Amino acid sequence: MRFSRYLVISCGSRHLVAAHLQMNASGRCDVVDYCVEDITFESSDPLLWLKAASEHFEAIRGRFPADLPVVVSIPGHLSLTKYLKIPQVVLRKRSKIIAYEVRQNIPYPISEVTWGDCLIDEDDLDFEAVIAATKTDFVEALARYAQISKLKLESIEPTFISLLNGFRYNYPEQQESSLIVSVGAKSTDLIYTHLGKFFSRNVSVGGDSLTREIADALSVSIEEAEQMKRDCIEGSPVPTLEYETFELAARSFLQRLATEISRTTAISKRHGILGEAKACFVTGGGALLPGIEDLLFNRLGIPVARYDPLRKVRTAPALPSACNVDRDREMLAGVVGAGIGQFVPDSSLINLMPRSVVWQRKFRRQQPYFLSAGLVACAAVCLPLFNTTVAIRAYEQEIQNLDAQIDPIKDLNNRILDRIDNVKALQKAIESFSEIGASRANWIYFINDLQDRLISVEDVWLNKLEVIRAQQGAGQLAGNRSGGNDVRNKLEIEDPVRLRLAGRLLDVENPMSSVSQDSYVRVKSLLENIAASRFILGLEDERFDNSVPGILKFDFTLIVDPTKSL
């Protein structure tokens, strides 16, 4: 949602700039009021720095109107930027493709970061997009501090987006490749723009590195070195040694900056920024360094000028006396660009508001609709409720009458079920007795059949007949009446009864021989003859002993057919 006026807060490592901007009737941006707050806290922890910066939120809220929507621009070193070229897809699938690319290109767990994207350019084959991400705990802490200070936070965006929108608004005639150099305390944002395309890179070269170099050279504290640097930049009288140290450190700092610019120029060409930059614009606190334009001109070979964030922006005539536009011009680049991005419809925008805050606000906006829908649903239910209650009472009376008629029938049904259970028990007893009777008769038939088969072989008798009810092992089957598959199928269905038989066969013809060929023929005939019995399923565990001359001892196990129970 766009508003006609905003309170924009640009967070820098050393300064906090807040400005009240509004869109006038002619469609131009006006700066109504602004203030610059110094941040003296020094820490490498972003959350500790944010806590120190948030202490100025109360003063900002007291100076500006309370109902202004707030846009916050965060430093470049606190956000991660990735530029992607993705094959063209339909619009409804683009968000899913970008979300997939975010998971592939952000080197942190996706649950720990908050990210946003912005379309750069597209054609029939592919489209280019930029992804910016920052730690979720950082933006959630920023939103919490803003809520405590009663600031109506609407958007959080990285600094390079603010600078890009401000440059496009203030320099619409710059259609060729241009370079924007925003030198901050912790880092420097380098932004290349050409027609509709752009590329940015944040490098860890900032004013603090210059301060640390002075502190190391003179063996003084960071606070003292920072004050020396400011005195030298403002032209205040300083000792010769301190000024020479400052000049040496500034020259080294600018050399490193020029090196990073050259490296970024080579990287930008791989991202579609064709040709060398034709102009360079410097801004930020580091732009106040003496000789920065000359050094960059000598190194880059292109015109270098100070970026004017108020070139197309009008300042209100009634600015407070504490506001010095000429002194603070470099500090206003971030806030002016962030406000212009909210006013101009075709601006590039990336919102890093935490998802939890976005969801809460979305739910609050939808609460009236949910309440209306609930009231309608309640009305739809309550109107027929009375008729439904009367009908339910009538049905309950009918049910009671039916229960009185059904109770005798239920008693009769229960007696019938009891009789059925008794009948089933009797049937099981009859079946059990029938099996016992059949088993006794089968034993008589089996013994008679076995005796007949032994008589047919002659000169053979049994010493032992033992019943084995539990299976003790499986051996090789022999002499079975049916095929091997039938035998195995019956064994798998039921564990059959086994009979252990032991006996002797007398070799009348060869009484002095240990065993003769005639004995083997006869015993083989005996096994086959017994296996052919209708009670026998097969044989196993055949053993023979010919230690006694003229007598062949045999021992084998019969597998009883489960269908002929014994």
Protein backbone atom coordinates (compact mmCIF):
# COMPACT_ATOMS: atom_id res chain seq x y z
CA MET A 1 0.00 0.00 0.00
CA ARG A 2 1.40 3.41 -1.00
CA PHE A 3 1.00 6.60 1.02
CA SER A 4 1.49 10.25 0.11
CA ARG A 5 4.01 10.84 2.89
CA TYR A 6 6.55 8.77 4.78
CA LEU A 7 9.01 8.90 7.62
CA VAL A 8 12.22 7.39 6.24
CA ILE A 9 15.04 6.27 8.54
CA SER A 10 18.44 5.49 7.01
CA CYS A 11 20.55 3.45 9.41
CA GLY A 12 24.31 3.90 9.07
CA SER A 13 27.06 2.50 11.23
CA ARG A 14 27.87 5.97 12.62
CA HIS A 15 24.75 8.02 11.83
CA LEU A 16 21.00 7.67 11.91
CA VAL A 17 19.22 9.96 9.42
CA ALA A 18 15.44 10.42 9.60
CA ALA A 19 13.44 12.52 7.14
CA HIS A 20 9.80 13.38 6.62
CA LEU A 21 9.07 13.20 2.87
CA GLN A 22 5.83 13.79 1.03
CA MET A 23 4.59 13.76 -2.56
CA ASN A 24 3.23 17.18 -3.50
CA ALA A 25 0.30 17.89 -5.80
CA SER A 26 2.55 18.16 -8.88
CA GLY A 27 3.97 14.66 -8.32
CA ARG A 28 7.34 15.76 -6.98
CA CYS A 29 9.02 14.77 -3.74
CA ASP A 30 9.46 17.30 -0.90
CA VAL A 31 11.63 17.05 2.20
CA VAL A 32 9.51 18.50 4.99
CA ASP A 33 11.95 17.93 7.85
CA TYR A 34 14.95 15.78 8.73
CA CYS A 35 17.44 15.14 11.51
CA VAL A 36 20.82 13.44 11.85
CA GLU A 37 21.65 11.44 14.99
CA ASP A 38 25.19 10.24 15.80
CA ILE A 39 25.72 6.63 16.90
CA THR A 40 28.74 6.42 19.19
CA PHE A 41 28.42 2.70 19.97
CA GLU A 42 31.20 0.52 18.49
CA SER A 43 30.49 -3.21 18.07
CA SER A 44 30.83 -5.92 15.46
CA ASP A 45 27.58 -7.54 16.65
CA PRO A 46 24.66 -6.26 14.48
CA LEU A 47 22.12 -6.80 17.26
CA LEU A 48 24.11 -4.77 19.78
CA TRP A 49 24.58 -2.02 17.21
CA LEU A 50 20.85 -2.09 16.45
CA LYS A 51 19.99 -1.75 20.12
CA ALA A 52 22.20 1.32 20.35
CA ALA A 53 20.67 2.78 17.18
CA SER A 54 17.12 2.10 18.41
CA GLU A 55 17.72 4.35 21.41
CA HIS A 56 17.25 7.28 19.00
CA PHE A 57 13.81 6.05 17.86
CA GLU A 58 12.07 7.78 20.75
CA ALA A 59 13.62 11.14 19.82
CA ILE A 60 12.65 10.61 16.17
CA ARG A 61 9.04 9.79 17.07
CA GLY A 62 8.82 12.91 19.22
CA ARG A 63 10.06 15.14 16.39
CA PHE A 64 7.90 13.88 13.52
CA PRO A 65 4.14 13.27 13.23
CA ALA A 66 3.09 10.06 14.94
CA ASP A 67 0.84 8.77 12.14
CA LEU A 68 3.55 8.59 9.45
CA PRO A 69 4.27 5.15 7.92
CA VAL A 70 7.96 4.31 8.42
CA VAL A 71 10.49 2.98 5.90
CA VAL A 72 13.88 1.85 7.20
CA SER A 73 17.01 1.49 5.04
CA ILE A 74 19.62 -0.89 6.51
CA PRO A 75 23.38 -0.82 5.76
CA GLY A 76 24.73 -2.88 2.89
CA HIS A 77 27.02 -5.04 5.04
CA LEU A 78 23.97 -6.41 6.90
CA SER A 79 22.33 -7.83 3.77
CA LEU A 80 23.37 -10.46 1.25
CA THR A 81 22.71 -9.84 -2.45
CA LYS A 82 22.56 -12.39 -5.28
CA TYR A 83 21.91 -11.70 -8.97
CA LEU A 84 20.33 -14.53 -10.95
CA LYS A 85 19.43 -15.21 -14.56
CA ILE A 86 16.59 -17.74 -14.69
CA PRO A 87 14.90 -19.39 -17.72
CA GLN A 88 11.59 -17.76 -18.58
CA VAL A 89 8.47 -19.30 -17.02
CA VAL A 90 4.84 -18.25 -16.74
CA LEU A 91 4.14 -15.54 -14.20
CA ARG A 92 2.18 -17.76 -11.81
CA LYS A 93 5.21 -20.07 -11.42
CA ARG A 94 7.85 -17.35 -11.17
CA SER A 95 7.54 -16.91 -7.41
CA LYS A 96 8.07 -20.66 -6.85
CA ILE A 97 11.12 -20.70 -9.12
CA ILE A 98 12.63 -17.71 -7.31
CA ALA A 99 11.94 -19.31 -3.92
CA TYR A 100 13.76 -22.44 -5.11
CA GLU A 101 16.73 -20.35 -6.30
CA VAL A 102 16.83 -18.60 -2.93
CA ARG A 103 17.22 -21.94 -1.14
CA GLN A 104 20.04 -22.85 -3.54
CA ASN A 105 21.96 -19.56 -3.41
CA ILE A 106 21.59 -18.30 0.17
CA PRO A 107 24.38 -19.91 2.26
CA TYR A 108 22.23 -20.00 5.41
CA PRO A 109 19.26 -22.13 6.51
CA ILE A 110 16.21 -20.60 4.84
CA SER A 111 14.39 -20.52 8.20
CA GLU A 112 17.04 -18.14 9.58
CA VAL A 113 16.86 -15.47 6.87
CA THR A 114 14.28 -13.03 5.54
CA TRP A 115 14.55 -12.36 1.83
CA GLY A 116 12.98 -10.37 -0.96
CA ASP A 117 13.40 -10.19 -4.71
CA CYS A 118 13.13 -7.65 -7.49
CA LEU A 119 12.83 -8.12 -11.24
CA ILE A 120 15.61 -6.42 -13.23
CA ASP A 121 14.96 -7.34 -16.85
CA GLU A 122 13.36 -10.08 -18.93
CA ASP A 123 12.99 -11.29 -22.50
CA ASP A 124 11.50 -14.31 -24.26
CA LEU A 125 14.30 -16.64 -23.10
CA ASP A 126 14.99 -15.70 -19.49
CA PHE A 127 14.60 -13.06 -16.82
CA GLU A 128 17.04 -11.43 -14.41
CA ALA A 129 16.26 -10.90 -10.75
CA VAL A 130 18.09 -9.74 -7.65
CA ILE A 131 17.64 -11.43 -4.28
CA ALA A 132 18.45 -9.64 -1.03
CA ALA A 133 18.45 -11.43 2.31
CA THR A 134 19.27 -10.63 5.91
CA LYS A 135 19.13 -12.46 9.22
CA THR A 136 15.59 -12.91 10.51
CA ASP A 137 16.56 -12.18 14.12
CA PHE A 138 17.96 -8.80 13.00
CA VAL A 139 14.81 -7.58 11.19
CA GLU A 140 12.57 -9.01 13.92
CA ALA A 141 14.56 -7.06 16.51
CA LEU A 142 14.26 -3.94 14.33
CA ALA A 143 10.49 -4.40 14.06
CA ARG A 144 10.24 -4.96 17.82
CA TYR A 145 12.20 -1.78 18.63
CA ALA A 146 10.02 0.17 16.19
CA GLN A 147 6.88 -1.19 17.86
CA ILE A 148 8.18 -0.25 21.30
CA SER A 149 8.80 3.30 20.02
CA LYS A 150 5.32 3.33 18.43
CA LEU A 151 6.69 3.70 14.91
CA LYS A 152 4.42 2.32 12.15
CA LEU A 153 7.01 0.26 10.33
CA GLU A 154 5.91 -0.53 6.77
CA SER A 155 9.07 -1.54 4.91
CA ILE A 156 12.71 -2.53 5.43
CA GLU A 157 14.95 -2.29 2.37
CA PRO A 158 18.70 -2.55 1.68
CA THR A 159 20.62 0.65 1.04
CA PHE A 160 21.53 -0.10 -2.58
CA ILE A 161 17.84 -0.12 -3.58
CA SER A 162 17.34 3.31 -1.97
CA LEU A 163 20.39 4.76 -3.76
CA LEU A 164 19.29 3.26 -7.08
CA ASN A 165 15.77 4.73 -6.91
CA GLY A 166 17.10 8.12 -5.81
CA PHE A 167 19.64 8.24 -8.66
CA ARG A 168 17.05 7.33 -11.30
CA TYR A 169 14.77 10.07 -10.01
CA ASN A 170 17.42 12.80 -9.72
CA TYR A 171 19.39 11.94 -12.89
CA PRO A 172 16.83 10.79 -15.47
CA GLU A 173 19.08 11.99 -18.32
CA GLN A 174 21.85 9.49 -17.38
CA GLN A 175 20.97 6.71 -19.82
CA GLU A 176 24.52 5.45 -20.30
CA SER A 177 26.37 3.27 -17.80
CA SER A 178 26.92 5.06 -14.50
CA LEU A 179 28.63 4.14 -11.26
CA ILE A 180 27.37 5.18 -7.81
CA VAL A 181 29.88 4.95 -4.96
CA SER A 182 28.38 5.30 -1.47
CA VAL A 183 31.19 5.24 1.10
CA GLY A 184 29.98 4.38 4.60
CA ALA A 185 31.68 3.69 7.89
CA LYS A 186 31.68 -0.13 7.77
CA SER A 187 31.44 -0.73 4.01
CA THR A 188 30.94 0.83 0.60
CA ASP A 189 28.07 0.21 -1.83
CA LEU A 190 29.05 0.13 -5.52
CA ILE A 191 26.06 0.35 -7.88
CA TYR A 192 26.25 0.11 -11.67
CA THR A 193 23.20 1.20 -13.62
CA HIS A 194 22.57 1.17 -17.35
CA LEU A 195 19.12 1.90 -18.76
CA GLY A 196 16.80 -0.47 -16.85
CA LYS A 197 19.52 -2.83 -15.62
CA PHE A 198 21.62 -2.50 -12.49
CA PHE A 199 24.21 -4.38 -10.47
CA SER A 200 25.39 -3.70 -6.93
CA ARG A 201 28.14 -4.98 -4.71
CA ASN A 202 28.99 -4.20 -1.10
CA VAL A 203 32.72 -4.17 -0.26
CA SER A 204 34.20 -4.13 3.23
CA VAL A 205 36.09 -0.86 2.72
CA GLY A 206 34.74 2.00 4.82
CA GLY A 207 35.64 4.98 6.93
CA ASP A 208 36.27 2.85 10.00
CA SER A 209 39.21 1.19 8.28
CA LEU A 210 40.73 4.65 7.80
CA THR A 211 40.14 5.41 11.48
CA ARG A 212 41.77 2.16 12.60
CA GLU A 213 44.80 2.84 10.41
CA ILE A 214 45.27 6.27 12.03
CA ALA A 215 44.83 4.75 15.52
CA ASP A 216 47.46 2.07 14.80
CA ALA A 217 49.91 4.55 13.32
CA LEU A 218 49.66 7.03 16.23
CA SER A 219 48.95 4.47 18.99
CA VAL A 220 45.77 6.27 20.07
CA SER A 221 42.24 5.07 20.81
CA ILE A 222 39.58 4.65 18.14
CA GLU A 223 37.64 7.61 19.53
CA GLU A 224 40.68 9.89 19.33
CA ALA A 225 41.51 8.70 15.81
CA GLU A 226 37.90 9.31 14.71
CA GLN A 227 38.03 12.87 16.03
CA MET A 228 41.36 13.47 14.24
CA LYS A 229 39.83 12.21 10.99
CA ARG A 230 36.83 14.52 11.32
CA ASP A 231 39.04 17.52 12.13
CA CYS A 232 41.21 16.88 9.06
CA ILE A 233 38.15 16.48 6.79
CA GLU A 234 36.52 19.66 8.15
CA GLY A 235 39.79 21.62 7.82
CA SER A 236 40.26 22.30 11.51
CA PRO A 237 43.82 23.02 12.72
CA VAL A 238 45.64 19.79 13.66
CA PRO A 239 49.30 18.99 14.36
CA THR A 240 51.48 18.26 11.33
CA LEU A 241 52.16 14.65 12.34
CA GLU A 242 48.46 13.90 12.70
CA TYR A 243 47.64 15.50 9.34
CA GLU A 244 50.43 13.62 7.55
CA THR A 245 49.23 10.38 9.11
CA PHE A 246 45.68 11.19 7.97
CA GLU A 247 46.86 11.92 4.40
CA LEU A 248 48.84 8.67 4.25
CA ALA A 249 45.90 6.64 5.62
CA ALA A 250 43.44 8.38 3.26
CA ARG A 251 45.67 7.68 0.27
CA SER A 252 45.89 4.00 1.23
CA PHE A 253 42.14 3.87 1.79
CA LEU A 254 41.37 5.40 -1.62
CA GLN A 255 43.78 3.00 -3.33
CA ARG A 256 41.94 0.02 -1.82
CA LEU A 257 38.62 1.55 -2.83
CA ALA A 258 39.81 2.04 -6.41
CA THR A 259 40.97 -1.58 -6.52
CA GLU A 260 37.54 -2.81 -5.35
CA ILE A 261 35.86 -0.61 -7.99
CA SER A 262 37.98 -2.17 -10.73
CA ARG A 263 37.15 -5.65 -9.47
CA THR A 264 33.43 -4.82 -9.30
CA THR A 265 33.54 -3.43 -12.84
CA ALA A 266 34.77 -6.79 -14.12
CA ILE A 267 32.07 -8.65 -12.17
CA SER A 268 29.30 -6.34 -13.42
CA LYS A 269 30.06 -7.21 -17.04
CA ARG A 270 29.17 -10.83 -16.31
CA HIS A 271 25.77 -9.62 -15.10
CA GLY A 272 24.74 -7.77 -18.23
CA ILE A 273 26.22 -4.28 -17.60
CA LEU A 274 27.74 -3.74 -21.02
CA GLY A 275 30.48 -1.21 -21.58
CA GLU A 276 32.49 0.90 -19.19
CA ALA A 277 30.81 3.40 -16.86
CA LYS A 278 30.68 6.88 -18.42
CA ALA A 279 30.26 8.77 -15.15
CA CYS A 280 30.87 8.20 -11.45
CA PHE A 281 28.93 9.72 -8.56
CA VAL A 282 30.22 9.54 -4.97
CA THR A 283 28.14 10.00 -1.84
CA GLY A 284 28.06 8.98 1.81
CA GLY A 285 30.20 10.16 4.70
CA GLY A 286 33.36 8.97 2.95
CA ALA A 287 32.67 11.28 0.01
CA LEU A 288 33.91 14.14 2.19
CA LEU A 289 37.49 12.83 2.04
CA PRO A 290 39.71 15.41 0.30
CA GLY A 291 40.89 14.32 -3.12
CA ILE A 292 38.47 11.42 -3.57
CA GLU A 293 37.18 12.81 -6.90
CA ASP A 294 40.68 13.33 -8.31
CA LEU A 295 41.93 9.90 -7.28
CA LEU A 296 38.92 8.09 -8.73
CA PHE A 297 39.19 10.18 -11.90
CA ASN A 298 42.85 9.24 -12.30
CA ARG A 299 42.15 5.57 -11.59
CA LEU A 300 38.91 5.14 -13.59
CA GLY A 301 39.43 7.72 -16.31
CA ILE A 302 35.82 8.92 -16.19
CA PRO A 303 34.20 12.10 -14.83
CA VAL A 304 33.66 11.91 -11.07
CA ALA A 305 31.18 14.16 -9.28
CA ARG A 306 29.38 14.39 -5.96
CA TYR A 307 25.95 12.76 -6.03
CA ASP A 308 23.25 15.32 -5.25
CA PRO A 309 20.25 13.57 -3.62
CA LEU A 310 18.27 16.86 -3.70
CA ARG A 311 18.81 17.61 -7.39
CA LYS A 312 15.14 17.03 -8.27
CA VAL A 313 13.84 17.15 -4.71
CA ARG A 314 12.58 20.32 -3.08
CA THR A 315 13.25 21.13 0.56
CA ALA A 316 10.57 22.86 2.58
CA PRO A 317 11.22 26.58 3.17
CA ALA A 318 10.40 26.19 6.85
CA LEU A 319 13.13 23.71 7.73
CA PRO A 320 14.25 23.92 11.37
CA SER A 321 17.32 26.02 12.00
CA ALA A 322 19.29 22.95 13.08
CA CYS A 323 19.06 21.55 9.53
CA ASN A 324 22.02 22.47 7.33
CA VAL A 325 21.32 21.04 3.87
CA ASP A 326 24.76 21.85 2.47
CA ARG A 327 26.48 20.13 5.40
CA ASP A 328 24.20 17.09 5.44
CA ARG A 329 23.71 16.59 1.70
CA GLU A 330 25.81 13.41 1.56
CA MET A 331 23.87 11.99 4.52
CA LEU A 332 20.49 12.45 2.82
CA ALA A 333 21.09 10.13 -0.13
CA GLY A 334 19.67 7.05 1.61
CA VAL A 335 16.53 8.62 3.10
CA VAL A 336 15.61 10.54 -0.06
CA GLY A 337 16.05 7.45 -2.26
CA ALA A 338 13.99 5.26 0.08
CA GLY A 339 11.15 7.80 0.06
CA ILE A 340 11.24 8.19 -3.73
CA GLY A 341 11.07 4.40 -4.07
CA GLN A 342 7.78 4.43 -2.18
CA PHE A 343 6.32 7.32 -4.19
CA VAL A 344 7.27 6.38 -7.78
CA PRO A 345 5.16 3.45 -9.09
CA ASP A 346 7.82 1.80 -11.30
CA SER A 347 10.59 1.87 -8.68
CA SER A 348 12.64 -1.18 -7.78
CA LEU A 349 11.53 -2.40 -4.36
CA ILE A 350 12.72 -5.12 -2.00
CA ASN A 351 10.90 -5.42 1.31
CA LEU A 352 12.73 -7.33 4.08
CA MET A 353 9.95 -7.08 6.64
CA PRO A 354 9.98 -10.23 8.84
CA ARG A 355 7.39 -12.82 7.84
CA SER A 356 5.93 -12.95 11.34
CA VAL A 357 5.08 -9.23 11.26
CA VAL A 358 3.68 -9.48 7.71
CA TRP A 359 1.43 -12.37 8.69
CA GLN A 360 0.20 -10.59 11.82
CA ARG A 361 -0.69 -7.45 9.85
CA LYS A 362 -2.39 -9.47 7.14
CA PHE A 363 -4.48 -11.24 9.75
CA ARG A 364 -5.43 -7.93 11.42
CA ARG A 365 -6.51 -6.51 8.05
CA GLN A 366 -8.65 -9.57 7.43
CA GLN A 367 -10.20 -9.64 10.90
CA PRO A 368 -13.28 -7.55 9.88
CA TYR A 369 -13.98 -9.98 7.04
CA PHE A 370 -13.59 -12.94 9.38
CA LEU A 371 -15.95 -11.29 11.89
CA SER A 372 -18.57 -10.60 9.21
CA ALA A 373 -18.32 -14.14 7.92
CA GLY A 374 -18.73 -15.46 11.47
CA LEU A 375 -21.84 -13.37 12.06
CA VAL A 376 -23.38 -14.54 8.81
CA ALA A 377 -22.59 -18.15 9.67
CA CYS A 378 -24.12 -17.74 13.14
CA ALA A 379 -27.26 -16.22 11.65
CA ALA A 380 -27.54 -19.03 9.12
CA VAL A 381 -27.30 -21.58 11.93
CA CYS A 382 -29.51 -19.83 14.49
CA LEU A 383 -32.50 -19.17 12.22
CA PRO A 384 -33.43 -22.83 11.70
CA LEU A 385 -32.27 -23.77 15.20
CA PHE A 386 -35.72 -23.40 16.82
CA ASN A 387 -37.49 -25.56 14.22
CA THR A 388 -34.72 -28.11 14.47
CA THR A 389 -35.12 -28.29 18.27
CA VAL A 390 -38.88 -28.92 17.99
CA ALA A 391 -38.34 -31.63 15.37
CA ILE A 392 -35.68 -33.29 17.55
CA ARG A 393 -38.09 -33.45 20.50
CA ALA A 394 -40.76 -35.09 18.35
CA TYR A 395 -38.25 -37.65 17.07
CA GLU A 396 -37.07 -38.39 20.62
CA GLN A 397 -40.69 -39.17 21.67
CA GLU A 398 -41.11 -41.52 18.72
CA ILE A 399 -37.83 -43.23 19.59
CA GLN A 400 -39.02 -43.83 23.14
CA ASN A 401 -42.24 -45.42 21.84
CA LEU A 402 -40.27 -47.66 19.48
CA ASP A 403 -37.90 -48.68 22.29
CA ALA A 404 -40.87 -49.86 24.35
CA GLN A 405 -42.00 -52.06 21.44
CA ILE A 406 -38.52 -53.34 20.62
CA ASP A 407 -37.56 -54.49 24.15
CA PRO A 408 -39.56 -57.82 23.99
CA ILE A 409 -38.11 -58.50 20.55
CA LYS A 410 -34.56 -57.88 21.89
CA ASP A 411 -35.14 -60.42 24.70
CA LEU A 412 -36.35 -63.04 22.22
CA ASN A 413 -33.36 -62.36 19.96
CA ASN A 414 -30.94 -62.80 22.87
CA ARG A 415 -32.50 -66.21 23.72
CA ILE A 416 -32.19 -67.26 20.09
CA LEU A 417 -28.52 -66.26 20.04
CA ASP A 418 -27.91 -68.29 23.22
CA ARG A 419 -29.53 -71.37 21.63
CA ILE A 420 -27.43 -70.89 18.49
CA ASP A 421 -24.26 -70.88 20.61
CA ASN A 422 -25.37 -74.12 22.32
CA VAL A 423 -26.07 -75.75 18.95
CA LYS A 424 -22.63 -74.77 17.67
CA ALA A 425 -20.99 -76.25 20.78
CA LEU A 426 -22.90 -79.53 20.25
CA GLN A 427 -21.86 -79.60 16.59
CA LYS A 428 -18.21 -79.24 17.54
CA ALA A 429 -18.55 -82.08 20.11
CA ILE A 430 -20.21 -84.33 17.53
CA GLU A 431 -17.49 -83.62 15.00
CA SER A 432 -14.82 -84.39 17.60
CA PHE A 433 -16.46 -87.71 18.54
CA SER A 434 -16.85 -88.57 14.86
CA GLU A 435 -13.15 -88.01 14.27
CA ILE A 436 -12.30 -90.22 17.25
CA GLY A 437 -14.57 -93.01 15.98
CA ALA A 438 -13.16 -92.75 12.48
CA SER A 439 -9.60 -92.82 13.88
CA ARG A 440 -10.28 -96.05 15.81
CA ALA A 441 -11.75 -97.73 12.77
CA ASN A 442 -8.80 -96.54 10.63
CA TRP A 443 -6.33 -98.17 13.04
CA ILE A 444 -8.01 -101.56 12.49
CA TYR A 445 -8.01 -101.11 8.73
CA PHE A 446 -4.41 -99.90 8.75
CA ILE A 447 -3.12 -102.85 10.88
CA ASN A 448 -4.91 -105.37 8.64
CA ASP A 449 -3.56 -103.64 5.53
CA LEU A 450 -0.04 -103.60 6.95
CA GLN A 451 -0.26 -107.32 7.86
CA ASP A 452 -1.37 -108.24 4.36
CA ARG A 453 1.53 -106.32 2.82
CA LEU A 454 4.08 -107.97 5.14
CA ILE A 455 2.65 -111.44 4.30
CA SER A 456 2.99 -110.69 0.58
CA VAL A 457 6.75 -110.12 1.05
CA GLU A 458 7.21 -113.25 3.32
CA ASP A 459 9.78 -113.94 6.02
CA VAL A 460 9.55 -110.47 7.52
CA TRP A 461 8.29 -109.35 10.90
CA LEU A 462 7.99 -106.13 12.92
CA ASN A 463 9.75 -105.49 16.22
CA LYS A 464 8.36 -102.00 16.94
CA LEU A 465 5.53 -99.72 15.84
CA GLU A 466 5.72 -96.25 17.45
CA VAL A 467 3.36 -93.27 16.91
CA ILE A 468 4.99 -89.82 16.60
CA ARG A 469 2.44 -87.02 16.94
CA ALA A 470 4.80 -84.02 16.59
CA GLN A 471 7.09 -83.50 13.60
CA GLN A 472 10.72 -84.11 14.56
CA GLY A 473 12.39 -83.55 11.17
CA ALA A 474 11.87 -83.88 7.47
CA GLY A 475 13.79 -86.44 5.43
CA GLN A 476 13.74 -87.65 1.86
CA LEU A 477 10.38 -88.95 0.67
CA ALA A 478 10.23 -92.26 -1.05
CA GLY A 479 7.58 -94.54 -2.43
CA ASN A 480 4.76 -91.98 -2.28
CA ARG A 481 1.56 -92.67 -4.10
CA SER A 482 1.08 -89.18 -5.43
CA GLY A 483 3.40 -86.59 -6.98
CA GLY A 484 6.04 -84.73 -4.96
CA ASN A 485 4.13 -81.46 -5.18
CA ASP A 486 0.96 -83.06 -3.72
CA VAL A 487 2.91 -84.48 -0.79
CA ARG A 488 4.58 -81.16 -0.05
CA ASN A 489 1.25 -79.32 -0.32
CA LYS A 490 -0.35 -81.65 2.23
CA LEU A 491 2.61 -81.25 4.56
CA GLU A 492 2.34 -77.48 4.34
CA ILE A 493 -1.39 -77.57 5.14
CA GLU A 494 -1.16 -79.82 8.25
CA ASP A 495 1.56 -81.45 10.34
CA PRO A 496 0.78 -85.18 9.78
CA VAL A 497 1.14 -88.12 12.17
CA ARG A 498 4.30 -90.26 11.74
CA LEU A 499 4.80 -93.97 12.50
CA ARG A 500 8.25 -95.36 13.34
CA LEU A 501 8.51 -99.01 12.19
CA ALA A 502 11.41 -101.35 13.00
CA GLY A 503 11.65 -105.00 11.93
CA ARG A 504 13.72 -107.76 10.38
CA LEU A 505 13.79 -109.58 7.06
CA LEU A 506 15.03 -113.19 6.96
CA ASP A 507 17.13 -114.27 3.96
CA VAL A 508 16.16 -117.96 3.79
CA GLU A 509 18.09 -118.61 0.61
CA ASN A 510 21.38 -117.15 1.92
CA PRO A 511 21.42 -117.69 5.68
CA MET A 512 25.21 -117.28 6.03
CA SER A 513 25.54 -114.16 3.91
CA SER A 514 25.57 -110.68 5.46
CA VAL A 515 23.22 -109.39 2.81
CA SER A 516 22.34 -110.66 -0.62
CA GLN A 517 20.92 -109.13 -3.73
CA ASP A 518 17.69 -110.99 -3.05
CA SER A 519 17.40 -109.30 0.35
CA TYR A 520 17.73 -105.82 -1.22
CA VAL A 521 15.08 -106.67 -3.81
CA ARG A 522 12.70 -107.93 -1.15
CA VAL A 523 13.20 -104.97 1.19
CA LYS A 524 12.74 -102.55 -1.71
CA SER A 525 9.53 -104.36 -2.57
CA LEU A 526 8.50 -104.10 1.09
CA LEU A 527 9.03 -100.32 1.17
CA GLU A 528 7.16 -99.77 -2.08
CA ASN A 529 4.37 -102.06 -0.96
CA ILE A 530 3.90 -100.22 2.33
CA ALA A 531 4.17 -96.80 0.65
CA ALA A 532 1.35 -97.83 -1.68
CA SER A 533 -1.05 -98.09 1.24
CA ARG A 534 -3.97 -95.67 1.13
CA PHE A 535 -3.13 -94.60 4.71
CA ILE A 536 0.46 -93.64 3.92
CA LEU A 537 1.57 -90.37 2.33
CA GLY A 538 5.27 -91.21 2.13
CA LEU A 539 8.36 -92.68 3.79
CA GLU A 540 11.43 -91.08 5.33
CA ASP A 541 14.50 -91.84 7.44
CA GLU A 542 15.13 -95.36 6.02
CA ARG A 543 17.95 -97.18 7.86
CA PHE A 544 19.29 -100.74 7.40
CA ASP A 545 21.57 -103.03 9.46
CA ASN A 546 23.16 -106.16 7.94
CA SER A 547 25.49 -106.99 10.86
CA VAL A 548 23.72 -110.34 11.55
CA PRO A 549 24.22 -112.95 8.77
CA GLY A 550 21.02 -113.91 7.03
CA ILE A 551 19.00 -111.11 8.68
CA LEU A 552 18.52 -107.56 7.39
CA LYS A 553 17.30 -105.13 10.04
CA PHE A 554 15.31 -102.17 8.81
CA ASP A 555 13.98 -98.96 10.44
CA PHE A 556 11.92 -96.28 8.68
CA THR A 557 9.24 -93.66 9.32
CA LEU A 558 5.83 -93.59 7.67
CA ILE A 559 4.07 -90.27 7.02
CA VAL A 560 0.34 -90.82 7.58
CA ASP A 561 -2.05 -89.14 5.16
CA PRO A 562 -3.75 -86.31 7.14
CA THR A 563 -7.06 -87.15 5.45
CA LYS A 564 -6.91 -90.70 6.99
CA SER A 565 -6.54 -89.77 10.66
CA LEU A 566 -5.11 -92.36 13.06
